């Protein structure tokens, strides 16, 4: 638990770390761009077991400029949003990775081959 708060203070600073984790508290208008890419999407319903579903489409960020720290904050925010639903802390979160668009956008076949092998 201490590590969580250390990371949050490091990422957001003391003035924002202890505020509710919302888009308005965590991002400026310029920093919200990675969320607008749509590479992370929280499915509006849970699965049959009450787990939140985060759909990850890596191909949506290919070729776009982004800051790695803001991308990390976007992922952290999406996990917070997924856990904000009733019983999800107990039931869990599912990540579904859709790699087809990412593989199609990479020009080097060995990169696409590596991506496919990591999925098996």
Protein backbone atom coordinates (compact mmCIF):
# COMPACT_ATOMS: atom_id res chain seq x y z
CA UNK A 1 0.00 0.00 0.00
CA UNK A 2 2.88 2.35 0.77
CA UNK A 3 4.40 1.70 -2.66
CA UNK A 4 1.09 2.63 -4.30
CA UNK A 5 1.04 6.04 -2.61
CA UNK A 6 4.75 6.63 -3.29
CA UNK A 7 4.16 5.98 -6.99
CA UNK A 8 1.11 8.22 -7.00
CA UNK A 9 2.99 11.09 -5.32
CA UNK A 10 5.90 10.62 -7.71
CA UNK A 11 3.58 10.65 -10.73
CA UNK A 12 1.13 13.41 -9.78
CA UNK A 13 3.03 15.46 -7.20
CA UNK A 14 1.98 16.20 -3.62
CA UNK A 15 -0.69 18.71 -4.62
CA UNK A 16 -2.71 16.21 -6.70
CA UNK A 17 -1.73 12.77 -5.38
CA UNK A 18 -4.35 12.66 -2.65
CA UNK A 19 -7.25 14.00 -4.74
CA UNK A 20 -9.83 11.67 -6.25
CA UNK A 21 -8.29 9.95 -9.28
CA UNK A 22 -10.33 11.58 -12.06
CA UNK A 23 -9.43 12.81 -15.53
CA UNK A 24 -9.71 16.42 -14.35
CA UNK A 25 -7.38 15.85 -11.39
CA UNK A 26 -4.79 13.77 -13.22
CA UNK A 27 -4.48 15.24 -16.71
CA UNK A 28 -4.19 18.63 -18.38
CA UNK A 29 -6.02 19.13 -21.68
CA UNK A 30 -2.80 18.38 -23.57
CA UNK A 31 -2.05 15.27 -21.53
CA UNK A 32 -5.42 13.64 -22.17
CA UNK A 33 -4.47 12.87 -25.78
CA UNK A 34 -3.27 9.28 -25.13
CA UNK A 35 -6.72 8.42 -23.75
CA UNK A 36 -8.26 9.89 -26.91
CA UNK A 37 -6.16 7.52 -29.05
CA UNK A 38 -8.54 4.79 -27.88
CA UNK A 39 -5.78 2.27 -27.32
CA UNK A 40 -7.32 1.53 -23.89
CA UNK A 41 -11.07 1.17 -23.65
CA UNK A 42 -13.10 0.19 -20.63
CA UNK A 43 -15.98 -2.02 -21.78
CA UNK A 44 -19.22 -0.59 -20.31
CA UNK A 45 -20.36 -3.93 -18.83
CA UNK A 46 -18.68 -6.59 -16.71
CA UNK A 47 -18.34 -10.23 -17.74
CA UNK A 48 -20.47 -13.04 -16.29
CA UNK A 49 -18.19 -13.22 -13.24
CA UNK A 50 -18.40 -9.51 -12.42
CA UNK A 51 -14.96 -8.60 -13.76
CA UNK A 52 -14.26 -5.33 -15.57
CA UNK A 53 -12.91 -5.66 -19.10
CA UNK A 54 -10.23 -3.37 -20.52
CA UNK A 55 -9.79 -3.68 -24.28
CA UNK A 56 -6.24 -2.83 -25.42
CA UNK A 57 -5.60 -2.08 -29.08
CA UNK A 58 -1.89 -1.39 -29.39
CA UNK A 59 -2.10 -0.50 -33.08
CA UNK A 60 -3.94 2.74 -32.27
CA UNK A 61 -0.78 4.35 -30.86
CA UNK A 62 1.57 3.31 -33.68
CA UNK A 63 3.15 6.35 -35.30
CA UNK A 64 1.63 8.84 -32.85
CA UNK A 65 3.71 11.08 -30.60
CA UNK A 66 3.15 10.52 -26.90
CA UNK A 67 4.97 10.94 -23.62
CA UNK A 68 5.78 7.64 -21.87
CA UNK A 69 4.93 9.06 -18.43
CA UNK A 70 1.55 10.29 -19.65
CA UNK A 71 0.94 6.89 -21.24
CA UNK A 72 1.74 5.24 -17.90
CA UNK A 73 -0.66 7.61 -16.17
CA UNK A 74 -3.34 6.74 -18.74
CA UNK A 75 -2.96 3.04 -18.00
CA UNK A 76 -3.04 3.71 -14.25
CA UNK A 77 -6.18 5.84 -14.69
CA UNK A 78 -7.92 3.13 -16.73
CA UNK A 79 -7.15 0.53 -14.05
CA UNK A 80 -8.63 2.87 -11.44
CA UNK A 81 -11.76 3.33 -13.55
CA UNK A 82 -12.11 -0.44 -13.97
CA UNK A 83 -11.77 -1.03 -10.22
CA UNK A 84 -14.32 1.66 -9.42
CA UNK A 85 -17.23 -0.68 -10.19
CA UNK A 86 -19.04 -2.70 -7.50
CA UNK A 87 -17.35 -6.01 -6.58
CA UNK A 88 -14.57 -5.63 -9.17
CA UNK A 89 -11.88 -5.32 -6.49
CA UNK A 90 -12.93 -8.80 -5.39
CA UNK A 91 -13.66 -10.28 -8.84
CA UNK A 92 -10.82 -8.75 -10.85
CA UNK A 93 -10.11 -7.14 -14.20
CA UNK A 94 -9.60 -8.77 -17.59
CA UNK A 95 -7.29 -7.26 -20.22
CA UNK A 96 -8.05 -8.23 -23.82
CA UNK A 97 -5.24 -7.38 -26.24
CA UNK A 98 -6.16 -6.93 -29.90
CA UNK A 99 -2.87 -7.16 -31.79
CA UNK A 100 -4.05 -7.41 -35.41
CA UNK A 101 -3.87 -3.68 -36.14
CA UNK A 102 -0.45 -3.40 -34.47
CA UNK A 103 0.96 -6.27 -36.50
CA UNK A 104 -0.45 -4.84 -39.74
CA UNK A 105 1.15 -1.45 -39.07
CA UNK A 106 4.67 -2.71 -38.39
CA UNK A 107 6.70 -2.74 -41.57
CA UNK A 108 9.34 -5.21 -40.42
CA UNK A 109 8.13 -8.82 -40.53
CA UNK A 110 10.43 -9.91 -37.67
CA UNK A 111 8.68 -7.46 -35.29
CA UNK A 112 5.27 -8.81 -36.26
CA UNK A 113 6.60 -12.36 -35.87
CA UNK A 114 7.90 -11.52 -32.38
CA UNK A 115 4.55 -10.00 -31.40
CA UNK A 116 2.71 -13.11 -32.56
CA UNK A 117 5.06 -15.40 -30.65
CA UNK A 118 4.62 -13.47 -27.41
CA UNK A 119 0.88 -14.06 -27.63
CA UNK A 120 1.23 -17.86 -27.68
